[in-house]
Amino acid sequence: MIPSPSQSLLEFGPFTIHFYALCIIAGVAAAIFIGNRRYIKIGGAPGVVGDVAIYAVPAGIIGGRLYHVATSPQLYFGDGGRPIEALYIWKGGLGIWGAISLGTLVAFLLYRRTKNNRGLSFSVFADALAPGLLVAQAIGRIGNWFNIELFGRPLDAFWSLQVPLRYRPSGYSQFETFHPTFLYESLWCLGAALVLIKWKALKNLQSGSIFLSYIALYSLGRLWIESLRIDDANLILGLRLNIWTSLALIALSTALLLKRNLQRHSRTKYNIEPLER
């Protein structure tokens, strides 16, 4: 089985380093590195990805936290909740939908204002970033392992996660091992990133199609992973809110993908070759 980590932070005098935060930072660095290489490969100027990331990354973190707090207000404003803890992002709790939404909006506004985009549209820019975003999410999910959170239903298998008693949800104290759903999502993100980079058919689609495929693929994986989770969540008609969100995003991104590529006469095609080592 997979053991739970014995600690989630390191202390050096007055300084505290949270492993969750380190995973987020490592994920951001990977996304910028991959995105920059892909953007330059299609004719973009060096440095543009980094310049946009300076503002888009903090916006994504804020958006992710806002989504988490808005969809789980009882954790902070309910009985026994502490509103100040809504600011404690190092304890986990970043909703990817909020991160993507606000991060993409800020990136769009900044990219349109940059004078160094060499005439490449934002949809081209977003396509270049998409695989790196998935890699960032894969790395970030490892932070949930350090925090011993986001695991699923009880599981008796060699890959199950051993969870200490104090971290088990109410009603599951008699179980010791659970689905490591954070690991499932991490592996799914890496697989989806590989598909976006290597699937040759995507090279012939209209600009923006890779980013839309990223939304569709991630949402598809999140759909079945979310069904395994047992942490507290808001329910609508008996289903977790994130399941409904995934279904809506799969439908929306697929519809936009089809519409974008059925109107080829009004679009400009381009190619992104797979990165070589």
C-alpha atoms as a PDB file:
ATOM      1  CA  MET A   1       0.000   0.000   0.000  1.00  0.00           C
ATOM      2  CA  ILE A   2       0.956   3.657  -0.309  1.00  0.00           C
ATOM      3  CA  PRO A   3       1.854   5.113   3.100  1.00  0.00           C
ATOM      4  CA  SER A   4       0.751   8.573   4.164  1.00  0.00           C
ATOM      5  CA  PRO A   5       3.617  11.016   4.774  1.00  0.00           C
ATOM      6  CA  SER A   6       4.629  11.568   8.364  1.00  0.00           C
ATOM      7  CA  GLN A   7       4.876  15.337   7.919  1.00  0.00           C
ATOM      8  CA  SER A   8       3.659  17.998   5.516  1.00  0.00           C
ATOM      9  CA  LEU A   9       6.117  20.779   6.269  1.00  0.00           C
ATOM     10  CA  LEU A  10       9.614  21.697   7.322  1.00  0.00           C
ATOM     11  CA  GLU A  11      10.498  24.341   9.899  1.00  0.00           C
ATOM     12  CA  PHE A  12      13.706  26.359   9.893  1.00  0.00           C
ATOM     13  CA  GLY A  13      13.589  28.688  12.854  1.00  0.00           C
ATOM     14  CA  PRO A  14      10.838  31.242  12.131  1.00  0.00           C
ATOM     15  CA  PHE A  15      10.346  29.902   8.582  1.00  0.00           C
ATOM     16  CA  THR A  16       7.909  27.176   7.615  1.00  0.00           C
ATOM     17  CA  ILE A  17       7.982  25.417   4.240  1.00  0.00           C
ATOM     18  CA  HIS A  18       4.805  23.554   3.285  1.00  0.00           C
ATOM     19  CA  PHE A  19       5.257  20.694   0.827  1.00  0.00           C
ATOM     20  CA  TYR A  20       1.857  21.500  -0.699  1.00  0.00           C
ATOM     21  CA  ALA A  21       3.127  24.969  -1.600  1.00  0.00           C
ATOM     22  CA  LEU A  22       6.333  23.511  -3.045  1.00  0.00           C
ATOM     23  CA  CYS A  23       4.282  21.232  -5.305  1.00  0.00           C
ATOM     24  CA  ILE A  24       2.257  24.206  -6.551  1.00  0.00           C
ATOM     25  CA  ILE A  25       5.457  26.171  -7.238  1.00  0.00           C
ATOM     26  CA  ALA A  26       7.046  23.212  -9.047  1.00  0.00           C
ATOM     27  CA  GLY A  27       3.901  22.796 -11.141  1.00  0.00           C
ATOM     28  CA  VAL A  28       3.894  26.468 -12.123  1.00  0.00           C
ATOM     29  CA  ALA A  29       7.566  26.278 -13.112  1.00  0.00           C
ATOM     30  CA  ALA A  30       6.886  23.199 -15.276  1.00  0.00           C
ATOM     31  CA  ALA A  31       3.911  24.872 -16.971  1.00  0.00           C
ATOM     32  CA  ILE A  32       5.942  27.983 -17.815  1.00  0.00           C
ATOM     33  CA  PHE A  33       8.871  25.926 -19.129  1.00  0.00           C
ATOM     34  CA  ILE A  34       6.729  23.681 -21.342  1.00  0.00           C
ATOM     35  CA  GLY A  35       4.480  26.506 -22.476  1.00  0.00           C
ATOM     36  CA  ASN A  36       7.419  28.731 -23.370  1.00  0.00           C
ATOM     37  CA  ARG A  37       9.067  26.020 -25.487  1.00  0.00           C
ATOM     38  CA  ARG A  38       5.859  25.264 -27.348  1.00  0.00           C
ATOM     39  CA  TYR A  39       5.068  28.932 -27.905  1.00  0.00           C
ATOM     40  CA  ILE A  40       8.522  29.677 -29.292  1.00  0.00           C
ATOM     41  CA  LYS A  41       8.290  26.612 -31.533  1.00  0.00           C
ATOM     42  CA  ILE A  42       5.235  28.037 -33.324  1.00  0.00           C
ATOM     43  CA  GLY A  43       6.895  31.419 -33.813  1.00  0.00           C
ATOM     44  CA  GLY A  44       6.188  33.186 -30.529  1.00  0.00           C
ATOM     45  CA  ALA A  45       8.659  35.529 -28.885  1.00  0.00           C
ATOM     46  CA  PRO A  46      10.738  34.321 -25.925  1.00  0.00           C
ATOM     47  CA  GLY A  47       9.664  35.732 -22.587  1.00  0.00           C
ATOM     48  CA  VAL A  48       6.000  36.324 -23.429  1.00  0.00           C
ATOM     49  CA  VAL A  49       4.814  33.268 -21.477  1.00  0.00           C
ATOM     50  CA  GLY A  50       6.795  34.319 -18.421  1.00  0.00           C
ATOM     51  CA  ASP A  51       5.550  37.912 -18.608  1.00  0.00           C
ATOM     52  CA  VAL A  52       1.926  36.796 -18.736  1.00  0.00           C
ATOM     53  CA  ALA A  53       2.473  34.214 -15.989  1.00  0.00           C
ATOM     54  CA  ILE A  54       3.633  36.888 -13.526  1.00  0.00           C
ATOM     55  CA  TYR A  55       0.023  38.035 -13.228  1.00  0.00           C
ATOM     56  CA  ALA A  56      -1.960  35.052 -14.503  1.00  0.00           C
ATOM     57  CA  VAL A  57      -0.530  32.602 -11.940  1.00  0.00           C
ATOM     58  CA  PRO A  58      -1.496  34.661  -8.847  1.00  0.00           C
ATOM     59  CA  ALA A  59      -4.892  35.266 -10.455  1.00  0.00           C
ATOM     60  CA  GLY A  60      -5.298  31.523 -10.937  1.00  0.00           C
ATOM     61  CA  ILE A  61      -4.444  30.843  -7.295  1.00  0.00           C
ATOM     62  CA  ILE A  62      -6.920  33.487  -6.133  1.00  0.00           C
ATOM     63  CA  GLY A  63      -9.591  32.138  -8.478  1.00  0.00           C
ATOM     64  CA  GLY A  64      -8.974  28.597  -7.298  1.00  0.00           C
ATOM     65  CA  ARG A  65      -9.309  29.606  -3.671  1.00  0.00           C
ATOM     66  CA  LEU A  66     -12.448  31.668  -4.301  1.00  0.00           C
ATOM     67  CA  TYR A  67     -14.081  28.713  -6.041  1.00  0.00           C
ATOM     68  CA  HIS A  68     -13.175  26.381  -3.187  1.00  0.00           C
ATOM     69  CA  VAL A  69     -14.499  28.726  -0.508  1.00  0.00           C
ATOM     70  CA  ALA A  70     -17.653  29.563  -2.501  1.00  0.00           C
ATOM     71  CA  THR A  71     -18.493  25.878  -3.006  1.00  0.00           C
ATOM     72  CA  SER A  72     -17.548  24.792   0.528  1.00  0.00           C
ATOM     73  CA  PRO A  73     -18.567  27.761   2.714  1.00  0.00           C
ATOM     74  CA  GLN A  74     -19.521  25.515   5.630  1.00  0.00           C
ATOM     75  CA  LEU A  75     -15.840  24.739   6.210  1.00  0.00           C
ATOM     76  CA  TYR A  76     -15.116  28.362   7.054  1.00  0.00           C
ATOM     77  CA  PHE A  77     -18.396  30.081   7.915  1.00  0.00           C
ATOM     78  CA  GLY A  78     -20.459  27.239   9.344  1.00  0.00           C
ATOM     79  CA  ASP A  79     -20.653  25.993  12.919  1.00  0.00           C
ATOM     80  CA  GLY A  80     -17.131  25.690  14.287  1.00  0.00           C
ATOM     81  CA  GLY A  81     -15.641  27.234  11.144  1.00  0.00           C
ATOM     82  CA  ARG A  82     -12.953  29.921  11.224  1.00  0.00           C
ATOM     83  CA  PRO A  83     -13.315  32.534   8.446  1.00  0.00           C
ATOM     84  CA  ILE A  84      -9.619  33.452   8.661  1.00  0.00           C
ATOM     85  CA  GLU A  85      -8.728  29.937   7.456  1.00  0.00           C
ATOM     86  CA  ALA A  86     -10.226  30.793   4.068  1.00  0.00           C
ATOM     87  CA  LEU A  87      -6.862  32.480   3.474  1.00  0.00           C
ATOM     88  CA  TYR A  88      -4.782  29.421   4.444  1.00  0.00           C
ATOM     89  CA  ILE A  89      -4.092  28.115   0.932  1.00  0.00           C
ATOM     90  CA  TRP A  90      -1.125  26.056   2.155  1.00  0.00           C
ATOM     91  CA  LYS A  91      -3.605  23.716   3.850  1.00  0.00           C
ATOM     92  CA  GLY A  92      -5.047  22.758   0.479  1.00  0.00           C
ATOM     93  CA  GLY A  93      -8.271  23.743  -1.208  1.00  0.00           C
ATOM     94  CA  LEU A  94      -7.756  25.182  -4.697  1.00  0.00           C
ATOM     95  CA  GLY A  95     -10.685  24.619  -7.057  1.00  0.00           C
ATOM     96  CA  ILE A  96      -9.255  24.024 -10.521  1.00  0.00           C
ATOM     97  CA  TRP A  97     -12.326  25.474 -12.241  1.00  0.00           C
ATOM     98  CA  GLY A  98     -11.840  28.823 -10.512  1.00  0.00           C
ATOM     99  CA  ALA A  99      -8.107  28.744 -11.204  1.00  0.00           C
ATOM    100  CA  ILE A 100      -8.616  28.108 -14.919  1.00  0.00           C
ATOM    101  CA  SER A 101     -11.358  30.727 -15.241  1.00  0.00           C
ATOM    102  CA  LEU A 102      -9.673  33.671 -13.542  1.00  0.00           C
ATOM    103  CA  GLY A 103      -6.170  32.706 -14.694  1.00  0.00           C
ATOM    104  CA  THR A 104      -7.307  32.457 -18.323  1.00  0.00           C
ATOM    105  CA  LEU A 105      -9.182  35.763 -18.138  1.00  0.00           C
ATOM    106  CA  VAL A 106      -6.139  37.627 -16.809  1.00  0.00           C
ATOM    107  CA  ALA A 107      -3.866  35.899 -19.347  1.00  0.00           C
ATOM    108  CA  PHE A 108      -6.244  36.932 -22.150  1.00  0.00           C
ATOM    109  CA  LEU A 109      -6.283  40.571 -21.071  1.00  0.00           C
ATOM    110  CA  LEU A 110      -2.491  40.719 -20.689  1.00  0.00           C
ATOM    111  CA  TYR A 111      -1.736  38.871 -23.910  1.00  0.00           C
ATOM    112  CA  ARG A 112      -3.906  41.229 -25.940  1.00  0.00           C
ATOM    113  CA  ARG A 113      -1.963  44.184 -24.552  1.00  0.00           C
ATOM    114  CA  THR A 114       1.498  42.776 -25.168  1.00  0.00           C
ATOM    115  CA  LYS A 115       3.345  44.316 -28.101  1.00  0.00           C
ATOM    116  CA  ASN A 116       5.513  41.253 -28.578  1.00  0.00           C
ATOM    117  CA  ASN A 117       2.946  38.631 -29.585  1.00  0.00           C
ATOM    118  CA  ARG A 118       4.076  38.720 -33.242  1.00  0.00           C
ATOM    119  CA  GLY A 119       0.503  38.677 -34.468  1.00  0.00           C
ATOM    120  CA  LEU A 120      -0.302  35.288 -32.925  1.00  0.00           C
ATOM    121  CA  SER A 121      -3.835  35.099 -31.564  1.00  0.00           C
ATOM    122  CA  PHE A 122      -4.646  34.279 -27.952  1.00  0.00           C
ATOM    123  CA  SER A 123      -6.114  30.948 -29.069  1.00  0.00           C
ATOM    124  CA  VAL A 124      -2.676  29.994 -30.414  1.00  0.00           C
ATOM    125  CA  PHE A 125      -1.120  31.103 -27.123  1.00  0.00           C
ATOM    126  CA  ALA A 126      -3.657  29.057 -25.125  1.00  0.00           C
ATOM    127  CA  ASP A 127      -2.971  25.966 -27.248  1.00  0.00           C
ATOM    128  CA  ALA A 128       0.735  26.258 -26.517  1.00  0.00           C
ATOM    129  CA  LEU A 129       0.071  26.410 -22.772  1.00  0.00           C
ATOM    130  CA  ALA A 130      -2.510  23.612 -22.476  1.00  0.00           C
ATOM    131  CA  PRO A 131      -0.223  20.545 -22.060  1.00  0.00           C
ATOM    132  CA  GLY A 132       1.929  22.380 -19.522  1.00  0.00           C
ATOM    133  CA  LEU A 133      -1.154  23.242 -17.477  1.00  0.00           C
ATOM    134  CA  LEU A 134      -1.982  19.556 -17.225  1.00  0.00           C
ATOM    135  CA  VAL A 135       1.561  18.765 -16.096  1.00  0.00           C
ATOM    136  CA  ALA A 136       1.251  21.525 -13.483  1.00  0.00           C
ATOM    137  CA  GLN A 137      -1.986  20.024 -12.203  1.00  0.00           C
ATOM    138  CA  ALA A 138      -0.368  16.581 -12.044  1.00  0.00           C
ATOM    139  CA  ILE A 139       2.471  17.919  -9.900  1.00  0.00           C
ATOM    140  CA  GLY A 140       0.133  19.986  -7.754  1.00  0.00           C
ATOM    141  CA  ARG A 141      -1.962  16.935  -6.889  1.00  0.00           C
ATOM    142  CA  ILE A 142       1.048  15.374  -5.177  1.00  0.00           C
ATOM    143  CA  GLY A 143       0.652  18.169  -2.640  1.00  0.00           C
ATOM    144  CA  ASN A 144      -2.663  16.580  -1.626  1.00  0.00           C
ATOM    145  CA  TRP A 145      -0.738  13.451  -0.656  1.00  0.00           C
ATOM    146  CA  PHE A 146       1.417  15.476   1.728  1.00  0.00           C
ATOM    147  CA  ASN A 147      -1.736  16.996   3.237  1.00  0.00           C
ATOM    148  CA  ILE A 148      -3.422  13.542   3.377  1.00  0.00           C
ATOM    149  CA  GLU A 149      -6.539  14.733   1.598  1.00  0.00           C
ATOM    150  CA  LEU A 150      -8.681  14.076  -1.483  1.00  0.00           C
ATOM    151  CA  PHE A 151      -8.715  10.297  -1.156  1.00  0.00           C
ATOM    152  CA  GLY A 152     -11.662   8.166  -2.201  1.00  0.00           C
ATOM    153  CA  ARG A 153     -13.749   5.273  -0.998  1.00  0.00           C
ATOM    154  CA  PRO A 154     -12.245   2.371   1.002  1.00  0.00           C
ATOM    155  CA  LEU A 155     -10.048   0.099  -1.107  1.00  0.00           C
ATOM    156  CA  ASP A 156      -8.169  -3.112  -0.406  1.00  0.00           C
ATOM    157  CA  ALA A 157      -5.446  -3.239  -3.072  1.00  0.00           C
ATOM    158  CA  PHE A 158      -1.682  -2.907  -3.297  1.00  0.00           C
ATOM    159  CA  TRP A 159      -2.008   0.677  -4.570  1.00  0.00           C
ATOM    160  CA  SER A 160      -4.443   1.805  -1.855  1.00  0.00           C
ATOM    161  CA  LEU A 161      -3.559   4.712   0.421  1.00  0.00           C
ATOM    162  CA  GLN A 162      -3.091   4.116   4.130  1.00  0.00           C
ATOM    163  CA  VAL A 163      -4.865   6.922   6.016  1.00  0.00           C
ATOM    164  CA  PRO A 164      -4.280   7.601   9.734  1.00  0.00           C
ATOM    165  CA  LEU A 165      -7.403   7.519  11.911  1.00  0.00           C
ATOM    166  CA  ARG A 166      -7.504  11.275  12.524  1.00  0.00           C
ATOM    167  CA  TYR A 167      -7.784  11.979   8.784  1.00  0.00           C
ATOM    168  CA  ARG A 168     -10.623   9.546   8.058  1.00  0.00           C
ATOM    169  CA  PRO A 169     -14.043  11.094   7.388  1.00  0.00           C
ATOM    170  CA  SER A 170     -16.946  10.473   9.708  1.00  0.00           C
ATOM    171  CA  GLY A 171     -18.350   6.999   9.158  1.00  0.00           C
ATOM    172  CA  TYR A 172     -15.093   5.554   7.789  1.00  0.00           C
ATOM    173  CA  SER A 173     -13.045   5.154  10.970  1.00  0.00           C
ATOM    174  CA  GLN A 174     -13.110   1.347  10.670  1.00  0.00           C
ATOM    175  CA  PHE A 175     -11.321   1.431   7.302  1.00  0.00           C
ATOM    176  CA  GLU A 176      -7.564   1.847   6.973  1.00  0.00           C
ATOM    177  CA  THR A 177      -6.928   2.062   3.222  1.00  0.00           C
ATOM    178  CA  PHE A 178      -8.627   4.156   0.539  1.00  0.00           C
ATOM    179  CA  HIS A 179      -8.542   5.024  -3.169  1.00  0.00           C
ATOM    180  CA  PRO A 180      -5.646   7.481  -3.808  1.00  0.00           C
ATOM    181  CA  THR A 181      -7.820   9.694  -6.033  1.00  0.00           C
ATOM    182  CA  PHE A 182      -5.219  12.459  -6.028  1.00  0.00           C
ATOM    183  CA  LEU A 183      -2.821   9.969  -7.662  1.00  0.00           C
ATOM    184  CA  TYR A 184      -5.461   8.909 -10.206  1.00  0.00           C
ATOM    185  CA  GLU A 185      -5.933  12.542 -11.201  1.00  0.00           C
ATOM    186  CA  SER A 186      -2.195  13.144 -11.405  1.00  0.00           C
ATOM    187  CA  LEU A 187      -1.716  10.181 -13.737  1.00  0.00           C
ATOM    188  CA  TRP A 188      -4.753  11.160 -15.803  1.00  0.00           C
ATOM    189  CA  CYS A 189      -3.362  14.684 -16.273  1.00  0.00           C
ATOM    190  CA  LEU A 190       0.000  13.348 -17.418  1.00  0.00           C
ATOM    191  CA  GLY A 191      -1.703  11.006 -19.880  1.00  0.00           C
ATOM    192  CA  ALA A 192      -3.903  13.811 -21.210  1.00  0.00           C
ATOM    193  CA  ALA A 193      -0.866  16.077 -21.624  1.00  0.00           C
ATOM    194  CA  LEU A 194       0.846  13.358 -23.651  1.00  0.00           C
ATOM    195  CA  VAL A 195      -2.244  13.043 -25.867  1.00  0.00           C
ATOM    196  CA  LEU A 196      -2.303  16.793 -26.540  1.00  0.00           C
ATOM    197  CA  ILE A 197       1.378  16.787 -27.485  1.00  0.00           C
ATOM    198  CA  LYS A 198       1.557  13.573 -29.510  1.00  0.00           C
ATOM    199  CA  TRP A 199      -1.866  13.171 -31.148  1.00  0.00           C
ATOM    200  CA  LYS A 200      -1.176  14.220 -34.732  1.00  0.00           C
ATOM    201  CA  ALA A 201      -4.835  14.831 -35.587  1.00  0.00           C
ATOM    202  CA  LEU A 202      -4.884  17.819 -33.257  1.00  0.00           C
ATOM    203  CA  LYS A 203      -2.247  19.560 -35.378  1.00  0.00           C
ATOM    204  CA  ASN A 204      -4.739  19.925 -38.215  1.00  0.00           C
ATOM    205  CA  LEU A 205      -7.514  21.465 -36.144  1.00  0.00           C
ATOM    206  CA  GLN A 206      -8.218  25.166 -35.788  1.00  0.00           C
ATOM    207  CA  SER A 207      -6.388  27.272 -33.241  1.00  0.00           C
ATOM    208  CA  GLY A 208      -7.948  26.976 -29.802  1.00  0.00           C
ATOM    209  CA  SER A 209      -8.799  23.316 -30.350  1.00  0.00           C
ATOM    210  CA  ILE A 210      -5.966  22.020 -28.180  1.00  0.00           C
ATOM    211  CA  PHE A 211      -7.057  24.195 -25.258  1.00  0.00           C
ATOM    212  CA  LEU A 212     -10.669  23.075 -25.679  1.00  0.00           C
ATOM    213  CA  SER A 213      -9.480  19.457 -25.822  1.00  0.00           C
ATOM    214  CA  TYR A 214      -7.602  20.087 -22.576  1.00  0.00           C
ATOM    215  CA  ILE A 215     -10.827  21.227 -20.898  1.00  0.00           C
ATOM    216  CA  ALA A 216     -12.754  18.243 -22.266  1.00  0.00           C
ATOM    217  CA  LEU A 217     -10.124  15.639 -21.377  1.00  0.00           C
ATOM    218  CA  TYR A 218      -9.516  16.944 -17.875  1.00  0.00           C
ATOM    219  CA  SER A 219     -13.256  17.191 -17.177  1.00  0.00           C
ATOM    220  CA  LEU A 220     -13.767  13.628 -18.405  1.00  0.00           C
ATOM    221  CA  GLY A 221     -11.137  12.334 -15.992  1.00  0.00           C
ATOM    222  CA  ARG A 222     -12.441  14.475 -13.163  1.00  0.00           C
ATOM    223  CA  LEU A 223     -15.920  13.050 -13.737  1.00  0.00           C
ATOM    224  CA  TRP A 224     -15.040   9.472 -12.744  1.00  0.00           C
ATOM    225  CA  ILE A 225     -12.459  10.492 -10.144  1.00  0.00           C
ATOM    226  CA  GLU A 226     -14.968  12.754  -8.422  1.00  0.00           C
ATOM    227  CA  SER A 227     -17.396   9.845  -8.156  1.00  0.00           C
ATOM    228  CA  LEU A 228     -14.874   8.006  -5.949  1.00  0.00           C
ATOM    229  CA  ARG A 229     -14.261  10.823  -3.467  1.00  0.00           C
ATOM    230  CA  ILE A 230     -15.818  10.811   0.000  1.00  0.00           C
ATOM    231  CA  ASP A 231     -14.804  14.218   1.340  1.00  0.00           C
ATOM    232  CA  ASP A 232     -17.573  16.667   2.172  1.00  0.00           C
ATOM    233  CA  ALA A 233     -19.126  18.333  -0.885  1.00  0.00           C
ATOM    234  CA  ASN A 234     -22.278  20.160  -1.881  1.00  0.00           C
ATOM    235  CA  LEU A 235     -24.796  17.865  -3.573  1.00  0.00           C
ATOM    236  CA  ILE A 236     -27.287  18.655  -6.334  1.00  0.00           C
ATOM    237  CA  LEU A 237     -29.877  15.950  -7.011  1.00  0.00           C
ATOM    238  CA  GLY A 238     -27.668  13.503  -5.134  1.00  0.00           C
ATOM    239  CA  LEU A 239     -24.513  14.203  -7.149  1.00  0.00           C
ATOM    240  CA  ARG A 240     -21.458  16.202  -6.113  1.00  0.00           C
ATOM    241  CA  LEU A 241     -21.276  19.745  -7.478  1.00  0.00           C
ATOM    242  CA  ASN A 242     -18.007  19.015  -9.276  1.00  0.00           C
ATOM    243  CA  ILE A 243     -19.645  16.151 -11.170  1.00  0.00           C
ATOM    244  CA  TRP A 244     -22.243  18.555 -12.552  1.00  0.00           C
ATOM    245  CA  THR A 245     -19.489  21.051 -13.347  1.00  0.00           C
ATOM    246  CA  SER A 246     -17.519  18.370 -15.200  1.00  0.00           C
ATOM    247  CA  LEU A 247     -20.563  17.333 -17.223  1.00  0.00           C
ATOM    248  CA  ALA A 248     -21.285  20.946 -18.158  1.00  0.00           C
ATOM    249  CA  LEU A 249     -17.683  21.599 -19.209  1.00  0.00           C
ATOM    250  CA  ILE A 250     -17.474  18.392 -21.254  1.00  0.00           C
ATOM    251  CA  ALA A 251     -20.615  19.406 -23.131  1.00  0.00           C
ATOM    252  CA  LEU A 252     -19.536  23.037 -23.588  1.00  0.00           C
ATOM    253  CA  SER A 253     -15.942  22.352 -24.658  1.00  0.00           C
ATOM    254  CA  THR A 254     -17.026  19.582 -27.048  1.00  0.00           C
ATOM    255  CA  ALA A 255     -19.673  21.819 -28.626  1.00  0.00           C
ATOM    256  CA  LEU A 256     -17.182  24.672 -29.076  1.00  0.00           C
ATOM    257  CA  LEU A 257     -14.592  22.267 -30.478  1.00  0.00           C
ATOM    258  CA  LEU A 258     -17.031  20.978 -33.089  1.00  0.00           C
ATOM    259  CA  LYS A 259     -18.292  24.448 -33.959  1.00  0.00           C
ATOM    260  CA  ARG A 260     -14.773  25.836 -34.296  1.00  0.00           C
ATOM    261  CA  ASN A 261     -13.701  23.114 -36.710  1.00  0.00           C
ATOM    262  CA  LEU A 262     -16.903  23.010 -38.744  1.00  0.00           C
ATOM    263  CA  GLN A 263     -16.288  26.633 -39.701  1.00  0.00           C
ATOM    264  CA  ARG A 264     -12.868  26.128 -41.257  1.00  0.00           C
ATOM    265  CA  HIS A 265     -13.398  28.783 -43.868  1.00  0.00           C
ATOM    266  CA  SER A 266     -13.260  31.517 -41.227  1.00  0.00           C
ATOM    267  CA  ARG A 267     -10.302  30.176 -39.251  1.00  0.00           C
ATOM    268  CA  THR A 268      -6.551  30.036 -39.710  1.00  0.00           C
ATOM    269  CA  LYS A 269      -4.887  26.650 -39.299  1.00  0.00           C
ATOM    270  CA  TYR A 270      -1.444  26.159 -37.836  1.00  0.00           C
ATOM    271  CA  ASN A 271       0.741  23.290 -36.672  1.00  0.00           C
ATOM    272  CA  ILE A 272       2.483  22.537 -33.406  1.00  0.00           C
ATOM    273  CA  GLU A 273       5.107  19.841 -33.807  1.00  0.00           C
ATOM    274  CA  PRO A 274       5.772  17.530 -30.839  1.00  0.00           C
ATOM    275  CA  LEU A 275       8.654  18.697 -28.651  1.00  0.00           C
ATOM    276  CA  GLU A 276      11.834  16.744 -29.052  1.00  0.00           C
ATOM    277  CA  ARG A 277      14.228  15.905 -26.272  1.00  0.00           C
END
